[in-house]
Amino acid sequence: MLIDPALFEENERTAPVADERQFLITGPYRCEVGGELPQVTIAYETWGTLNSDHSNAVLVCHALTGDAHAIGWWDRLIGPGRPIDTDLLFVIGVNVLGGCQGSTGPASLAADGRRYAMRFPIVTVGDMVEVQARLLDHLGIDQLYAVAGGSMGGMQALEWTVRFPNRVRKAFITASCSAHSAMQVGFNETARQAIMQDPRWNRGEYTDDEQPDGGLSVARMLGHLSFLSDAAFTAKFGRRLQDKDRFDFTFDTEFQVESYLKYQGSKFTKRFDANALLYVTRAIDYFERRSLKGSVADYLFTSFTSDWLYPSYQSEAMHQLALSAGCSSKHKIIDLPYGHDAFLLDGVHQGALVRDFLATN
């Protein structure tokens, strides 16, 4: 089986060479389930040109550990001449509330000069969307031509269509769901426990010099196992050994796949905050949208045959919700062997669907 090499290079393979983020600081925000932030910083990037009537804006919502640099982590869908064409569209990428890539989150400084840490209020997917709406107000965009996202980003896109139905014309949602299953919650709770059981987590009060890197690394290793498919792991690694031709019969690294997972886990600790992972995984576990009543958006749902983390039945369920709400909706299942990360890599099958979807008024 041929495997796309990018599948094992992680999302930051197309990270920005320069920091082109912009920052909007807004006033107080009261979170949906309680707690208030005295102000919120929103990190975002834009590409393309907003037309005179502001009707060509597309909001791109990122997945769990993504960021505002959508043209990087979704490089096969976004850019000049791409399906989400920045020659024609004004594309906006936003880092979520509760994240750690520029927007306000648990690593941000509170009014007392200390990091919020676990004093940060619980946030929901709805809170993420409300804060994004503030950004659109600032940019003078009353209605989005489209909102798009995969995985956690798909949840945000779905929420947009119900929370602000008159502000969204189209929604492209891929490899996502309207509510987590027990297994999906279980994966996230295991990742959270890996962090919280690390003694250096210290109930969230860790320092730059003493971070729970061990727990965060294990959480990321678990994530990588769930993001990919058995076929992809087999094709890439099989049972090949790491820099040796026979077992050492120790607990040091023996297999190539062990080395890969350790490397990805270690790399992740350099760019992501442990407390932020706790908060954003909690937000998507709480998310539940059982009706799309009131939405007037057109929907395109895509899913992948090998995605066992967000299986196709969940996209089909969202499609049925859209039809029940009287909306125009399509669901396409794409046969690729890459697992959940196929939504990041597939610019061909998914790309053709998105191009047609956005070209149809």
Protein backbone atom coordinates (compact mmCIF):
# COMPACT_ATOMS: atom_id res chain seq x y z
CA MET A 1 0.00 0.00 0.00
CA LEU A 2 1.33 3.43 -0.93
CA ILE A 3 1.33 5.83 2.00
CA ASP A 4 1.49 9.61 1.68
CA PRO A 5 4.76 10.57 3.43
CA ALA A 6 3.08 13.65 4.89
CA LEU A 7 0.92 11.38 7.03
CA PHE A 8 3.87 10.87 9.36
CA GLU A 9 5.23 14.42 9.28
CA GLU A 10 2.54 15.94 11.53
CA ASN A 11 0.62 19.14 10.92
CA GLU A 12 3.44 21.58 11.48
CA ARG A 13 5.17 20.34 8.30
CA THR A 14 3.88 23.56 6.70
CA ALA A 15 4.24 25.83 9.73
CA PRO A 16 4.70 29.53 8.92
CA VAL A 17 8.22 30.74 8.24
CA ALA A 18 7.21 34.06 9.82
CA ASP A 19 4.64 34.92 12.46
CA GLU A 20 1.85 36.64 10.58
CA ARG A 21 -0.76 36.36 13.29
CA GLN A 22 -2.93 39.32 14.14
CA PHE A 23 -4.44 39.86 17.55
CA LEU A 24 -7.77 41.32 18.58
CA ILE A 25 -8.29 42.20 22.23
CA THR A 26 -11.95 42.34 23.18
CA GLY A 27 -13.75 43.18 26.40
CA PRO A 28 -15.11 40.95 29.15
CA TYR A 29 -16.52 37.56 28.25
CA ARG A 30 -18.82 35.44 30.43
CA CYS A 31 -18.40 31.76 29.64
CA GLU A 32 -21.40 29.60 28.85
CA VAL A 33 -21.24 27.40 31.95
CA GLY A 34 -19.92 30.04 34.34
CA GLY A 35 -16.83 32.11 34.97
CA GLU A 36 -15.80 35.37 33.40
CA LEU A 37 -12.69 36.57 31.61
CA PRO A 38 -11.98 40.32 32.00
CA GLN A 39 -10.76 40.43 28.40
CA VAL A 40 -10.10 38.01 25.57
CA THR A 41 -7.29 38.01 23.03
CA ILE A 42 -8.10 36.39 19.69
CA ALA A 43 -5.21 35.27 17.47
CA TYR A 44 -6.05 35.04 13.78
CA GLU A 45 -4.64 35.10 10.26
CA THR A 46 -6.24 36.05 6.96
CA TRP A 47 -5.52 35.36 3.31
CA GLY A 48 -7.04 36.84 0.17
CA THR A 49 -9.03 40.04 -0.16
CA LEU A 50 -12.41 40.84 1.33
CA ASN A 51 -14.65 42.05 -1.48
CA SER A 52 -16.63 45.28 -1.41
CA ASP A 53 -19.84 43.76 -0.03
CA HIS A 54 -17.97 41.44 2.36
CA SER A 55 -19.69 38.40 0.87
CA ASN A 56 -16.67 36.17 0.16
CA ALA A 57 -15.48 35.42 3.71
CA VAL A 58 -14.71 31.83 4.74
CA LEU A 59 -13.97 30.98 8.37
CA VAL A 60 -11.73 27.93 8.86
CA CYS A 61 -11.91 26.29 12.30
CA HIS A 62 -8.98 24.18 13.46
CA ALA A 63 -8.81 20.72 14.99
CA LEU A 64 -7.72 19.84 18.52
CA THR A 65 -4.06 20.86 18.46
CA GLY A 66 -4.17 23.18 15.45
CA ASP A 67 -3.83 26.93 15.24
CA ALA A 68 -4.77 29.98 13.19
CA HIS A 69 -2.35 29.12 10.37
CA ALA A 70 -4.96 27.26 8.34
CA ILE A 71 -3.15 27.68 5.04
CA GLY A 72 -0.37 25.59 6.58
CA TRP A 73 -2.11 22.64 8.22
CA TRP A 74 -4.74 22.50 5.44
CA ASP A 75 -2.35 23.35 2.62
CA ARG A 76 -3.97 20.91 0.19
CA LEU A 77 -7.34 22.63 0.47
CA ILE A 78 -6.49 26.29 1.08
CA GLY A 79 -4.45 28.64 -1.09
CA PRO A 80 -4.30 30.25 -4.53
CA GLY A 81 -6.16 27.99 -6.96
CA ARG A 82 -6.93 25.47 -4.23
CA PRO A 83 -10.49 24.30 -3.48
CA ILE A 84 -10.76 27.05 -0.83
CA ASP A 85 -9.30 29.55 -3.26
CA THR A 86 -7.59 32.56 -1.70
CA ASP A 87 -7.58 34.27 -5.10
CA LEU A 88 -11.38 34.43 -4.82
CA LEU A 89 -12.15 34.12 -1.13
CA PHE A 90 -11.18 35.94 2.04
CA VAL A 91 -10.09 33.14 4.37
CA ILE A 92 -9.86 33.56 8.14
CA GLY A 93 -8.10 31.19 10.51
CA VAL A 94 -8.67 31.63 14.26
CA ASN A 95 -7.02 30.05 17.28
CA VAL A 96 -9.70 28.84 19.70
CA LEU A 97 -10.50 30.24 23.10
CA GLY A 98 -8.77 27.98 25.62
CA GLY A 99 -5.93 27.17 23.24
CA CYS A 100 -2.27 28.10 23.49
CA GLN A 101 -1.34 29.53 20.11
CA GLY A 102 -2.08 33.18 20.77
CA SER A 103 -5.69 33.24 21.93
CA THR A 104 -6.55 33.51 25.62
CA GLY A 105 -6.14 30.21 27.41
CA PRO A 106 -4.95 28.72 30.70
CA ALA A 107 -1.33 29.71 29.94
CA SER A 108 -2.35 33.38 29.58
CA LEU A 109 -1.66 35.87 32.33
CA ALA A 110 -4.55 36.81 34.61
CA ALA A 111 -5.00 40.26 36.16
CA ASP A 112 -2.73 39.30 39.06
CA GLY A 113 0.18 38.65 36.70
CA ARG A 114 0.06 34.89 37.19
CA ARG A 115 -1.04 32.35 34.64
CA TYR A 116 -4.66 31.34 34.85
CA ALA A 117 -3.71 27.66 34.91
CA MET A 118 -6.66 25.75 36.40
CA ARG A 119 -8.33 28.99 37.44
CA PHE A 120 -9.28 29.36 33.80
CA PRO A 121 -13.04 28.83 33.37
CA ILE A 122 -14.39 25.76 31.61
CA VAL A 123 -15.01 26.64 27.98
CA THR A 124 -17.36 25.06 25.48
CA VAL A 125 -17.41 24.81 21.71
CA GLY A 126 -20.15 27.43 21.94
CA ASP A 127 -17.72 29.78 23.71
CA MET A 128 -15.19 29.26 20.93
CA VAL A 129 -17.81 30.24 18.37
CA GLU A 130 -19.03 33.26 20.34
CA VAL A 131 -15.49 34.62 20.48
CA GLN A 132 -15.04 34.01 16.74
CA ALA A 133 -18.22 36.00 16.15
CA ARG A 134 -16.61 38.94 17.95
CA LEU A 135 -13.76 38.78 15.48
CA LEU A 136 -16.15 38.81 12.52
CA ASP A 137 -17.89 41.84 14.01
CA HIS A 138 -14.51 43.56 14.23
CA LEU A 139 -13.77 42.69 10.59
CA GLY A 140 -17.17 44.01 9.49
CA ILE A 141 -18.39 40.63 8.24
CA ASP A 142 -22.11 40.16 8.81
CA GLN A 143 -22.41 36.84 6.98
CA LEU A 144 -19.93 34.13 6.11
CA TYR A 145 -20.00 32.64 2.67
CA ALA A 146 -18.84 29.46 4.35
CA VAL A 147 -17.50 27.99 7.55
CA ALA A 148 -15.26 24.94 7.35
CA GLY A 149 -13.52 22.58 9.72
CA GLY A 150 -12.51 19.03 10.50
CA SER A 151 -12.67 17.06 13.74
CA MET A 152 -12.97 19.68 16.54
CA GLY A 153 -13.11 22.28 13.78
CA GLY A 154 -16.14 20.51 12.37
CA MET A 155 -17.89 20.82 15.72
CA GLN A 156 -17.29 24.57 15.67
CA ALA A 157 -18.58 24.80 12.11
CA LEU A 158 -21.71 22.84 13.04
CA GLU A 159 -22.29 25.08 16.07
CA TRP A 160 -21.94 28.18 13.90
CA THR A 161 -24.85 27.11 11.73
CA VAL A 162 -27.22 26.86 14.71
CA ARG A 163 -25.92 29.57 17.03
CA PHE A 164 -25.69 32.16 14.25
CA PRO A 165 -27.94 30.75 11.51
CA ASN A 166 -28.24 34.03 9.60
CA ARG A 167 -24.49 34.47 9.45
CA VAL A 168 -23.63 31.24 7.60
CA ARG A 169 -24.53 30.29 4.03
CA LYS A 170 -22.53 27.08 3.70
CA ALA A 171 -20.81 24.64 6.04
CA PHE A 172 -18.16 22.11 5.07
CA ILE A 173 -17.68 19.64 7.92
CA THR A 174 -15.29 16.70 7.66
CA ALA A 175 -14.33 13.79 9.94
CA SER A 176 -16.39 15.15 12.81
CA CYS A 177 -19.50 14.50 14.89
CA SER A 178 -22.39 16.14 16.71
CA ALA A 179 -21.51 14.45 20.01
CA HIS A 180 -18.67 12.25 21.21
CA SER A 181 -19.19 8.55 21.74
CA ALA A 182 -18.06 6.78 24.90
CA MET A 183 -14.89 5.65 23.11
CA GLN A 184 -14.02 9.18 22.03
CA VAL A 185 -14.53 10.49 25.55
CA GLY A 186 -12.42 7.57 26.78
CA PHE A 187 -9.49 8.49 24.56
CA ASN A 188 -9.61 12.08 25.79
CA GLU A 189 -9.89 11.10 29.43
CA THR A 190 -6.89 8.79 29.08
CA ALA A 191 -4.90 11.68 27.60
CA ARG A 192 -5.99 13.97 30.43
CA GLN A 193 -5.05 11.40 33.05
CA ALA A 194 -1.61 10.98 31.48
CA ILE A 195 -1.07 14.69 32.09
CA MET A 196 -2.66 14.92 35.54
CA GLN A 197 -0.88 11.83 36.85
CA ASP A 198 2.48 13.39 35.99
CA PRO A 199 3.83 14.73 39.34
CA ARG A 200 5.13 17.82 37.56
CA TRP A 201 1.59 18.79 36.57
CA ASN A 202 1.20 19.99 40.18
CA ARG A 203 -2.55 20.62 39.83
CA GLY A 204 -1.82 22.81 36.85
CA GLU A 205 0.62 25.08 38.70
CA TYR A 206 3.75 24.08 36.78
CA THR A 207 6.52 26.42 35.64
CA ASP A 208 8.42 26.83 32.37
CA ASP A 209 11.29 24.88 33.91
CA GLU A 210 9.15 22.08 35.37
CA GLN A 211 6.39 21.16 32.95
CA PRO A 212 4.55 17.81 32.81
CA ASP A 213 6.33 16.88 29.59
CA GLY A 214 6.20 13.17 30.36
CA GLY A 215 2.43 13.10 30.69
CA LEU A 216 1.84 15.45 27.77
CA SER A 217 4.13 13.33 25.59
CA VAL A 218 2.20 10.16 26.42
CA ALA A 219 -1.08 11.97 25.71
CA ARG A 220 0.23 12.89 22.26
CA MET A 221 1.46 9.36 21.60
CA LEU A 222 -2.05 8.12 22.33
CA GLY A 223 -3.41 10.77 19.98
CA HIS A 224 -1.20 9.64 17.13
CA LEU A 225 -2.31 6.07 17.56
CA SER A 226 -5.95 7.13 17.25
CA PHE A 227 -5.38 9.58 14.39
CA LEU A 228 -3.97 6.99 12.00
CA SER A 229 -5.06 3.57 10.75
CA ASP A 230 -3.77 0.06 11.29
CA ALA A 231 -3.00 -0.17 7.57
CA ALA A 232 -0.99 3.04 7.65
CA PHE A 233 1.07 1.94 10.66
CA THR A 234 1.68 -1.46 9.11
CA ALA A 235 2.79 0.00 5.78
CA LYS A 236 5.08 2.56 7.41
CA PHE A 237 6.62 0.48 10.19
CA GLY A 238 5.52 -3.14 10.23
CA ARG A 239 7.64 -4.88 12.86
CA ARG A 240 10.87 -3.25 11.71
CA LEU A 241 13.48 -2.60 14.38
CA GLN A 242 15.08 0.75 15.17
CA ASP A 243 18.77 0.89 14.14
CA LYS A 244 19.38 -2.79 14.85
CA ASP A 245 18.82 -6.21 13.30
CA ARG A 246 17.91 -8.15 16.44
CA PHE A 247 16.18 -7.60 19.77
CA ASP A 248 18.14 -6.35 22.77
CA PHE A 249 15.55 -7.77 25.14
CA THR A 250 15.36 -4.55 27.21
CA PHE A 251 12.78 -1.81 27.73
CA ASP A 252 14.74 0.61 25.57
CA THR A 253 13.49 1.41 22.08
CA GLU A 254 13.28 -1.76 19.99
CA PHE A 255 10.75 -1.07 17.21
CA GLN A 256 10.67 1.80 14.72
CA VAL A 257 7.10 2.63 15.69
CA GLU A 258 8.23 3.12 19.29
CA SER A 259 10.85 5.61 18.18
CA TYR A 260 8.34 7.46 16.02
CA LEU A 261 5.78 7.81 18.80
CA LYS A 262 8.38 8.97 21.33
CA TYR A 263 9.68 11.54 18.86
CA GLN A 264 6.20 12.89 18.13
CA GLY A 265 5.38 13.04 21.82
CA SER A 266 8.56 14.91 22.66
CA LYS A 267 8.12 17.34 19.77
CA PHE A 268 4.59 18.14 20.85
CA THR A 269 5.70 19.30 24.30
CA LYS A 270 7.67 22.09 22.64
CA ARG A 271 4.60 23.69 21.06
CA PHE A 272 1.57 22.91 23.21
CA ASP A 273 0.51 23.68 26.75
CA ALA A 274 -0.59 20.74 28.90
CA ASN A 275 -3.41 22.63 30.62
CA ALA A 276 -4.71 23.81 27.24
CA LEU A 277 -5.02 20.19 26.14
CA LEU A 278 -7.10 19.48 29.25
CA TYR A 279 -9.46 22.34 28.46
CA VAL A 280 -9.98 21.78 24.74
CA THR A 281 -10.52 18.03 25.13
CA ARG A 282 -13.08 18.76 27.84
CA ALA A 283 -14.83 21.24 25.54
CA ILE A 284 -15.32 18.70 22.76
CA ASP A 285 -16.40 15.98 25.18
CA TYR A 286 -19.15 18.28 26.45
CA PHE A 287 -20.28 19.21 22.94
CA GLU A 288 -23.67 17.82 21.96
CA ARG A 289 -25.85 19.06 19.12
CA ARG A 290 -28.89 16.83 18.66
CA SER A 291 -30.86 19.14 16.37
CA LEU A 292 -30.02 21.64 13.65
CA LYS A 293 -33.44 23.25 13.84
CA GLY A 294 -33.23 26.88 12.77
CA SER A 295 -30.22 26.43 10.52
CA VAL A 296 -30.55 27.71 6.96
CA ALA A 297 -27.09 26.63 5.80
CA ASP A 298 -26.19 24.26 2.99
CA TYR A 299 -24.05 21.41 4.28
CA LEU A 300 -21.31 19.21 2.87
CA PHE A 301 -20.17 16.38 5.14
CA THR A 302 -17.23 14.15 4.28
CA SER A 303 -15.86 11.14 6.14
CA PHE A 304 -13.31 8.41 5.53
CA THR A 305 -13.58 4.63 5.48
CA SER A 306 -10.46 4.08 7.60
CA ASP A 307 -11.26 6.74 10.21
CA TRP A 308 -12.05 4.68 13.28
CA LEU A 309 -11.78 7.66 15.64
CA TYR A 310 -14.57 9.64 13.92
CA PRO A 311 -16.33 6.90 11.92
CA SER A 312 -18.62 7.66 9.00
CA TYR A 313 -21.81 6.87 10.87
CA GLN A 314 -21.28 10.05 12.88
CA SER A 315 -21.10 12.18 9.73
CA GLU A 316 -24.18 10.40 8.40
CA ALA A 317 -25.99 11.29 11.63
CA MET A 318 -25.16 14.99 11.13
CA HIS A 319 -26.32 14.76 7.52
CA GLN A 320 -29.63 13.34 8.70
CA LEU A 321 -29.97 16.15 11.25
CA ALA A 322 -29.46 18.67 8.47
CA LEU A 323 -32.08 17.02 6.27
CA SER A 324 -34.51 16.88 9.20
CA ALA A 325 -34.02 20.63 9.67
CA GLY A 326 -34.99 21.18 6.03
CA CYS A 327 -31.48 22.08 4.91
CA SER A 328 -29.70 21.08 1.72
CA SER A 329 -27.09 18.49 2.66
CA LYS A 330 -24.70 15.95 1.15
CA HIS A 331 -22.57 13.30 2.82
CA LYS A 332 -19.74 11.66 0.89
CA ILE A 333 -17.68 8.75 2.24
CA ILE A 334 -14.14 8.69 0.85
CA ASP A 335 -12.16 5.46 0.64
CA LEU A 336 -8.61 6.22 1.80
CA PRO A 337 -6.33 4.22 4.13
CA TYR A 338 -4.95 7.06 6.24
CA GLY A 339 -7.29 7.06 9.24
CA HIS A 340 -8.60 10.23 10.87
CA ASP A 341 -5.75 12.35 9.49
CA ALA A 342 -7.08 11.74 5.97
CA PHE A 343 -9.11 14.92 6.35
CA LEU A 344 -5.86 16.90 6.58
CA LEU A 345 -4.19 15.17 3.64
CA ASP A 346 -6.86 14.54 1.03
CA GLY A 347 -6.81 17.38 -1.45
CA VAL A 348 -8.03 15.25 -4.37
CA HIS A 349 -11.35 13.55 -3.54
CA GLN A 350 -12.28 15.90 -0.71
CA GLY A 351 -10.90 18.83 -2.67
CA ALA A 352 -13.11 18.17 -5.68
CA LEU A 353 -16.18 18.00 -3.46
CA VAL A 354 -15.28 21.23 -1.68
CA ARG A 355 -14.55 23.06 -4.93
CA ASP A 356 -17.95 22.12 -6.35
CA PHE A 357 -19.70 22.91 -3.07
CA LEU A 358 -18.26 26.39 -2.85
CA ALA A 359 -18.84 27.11 -6.55
CA THR A 360 -22.57 26.42 -6.25
CA ASN A 361 -24.66 29.40 -5.13
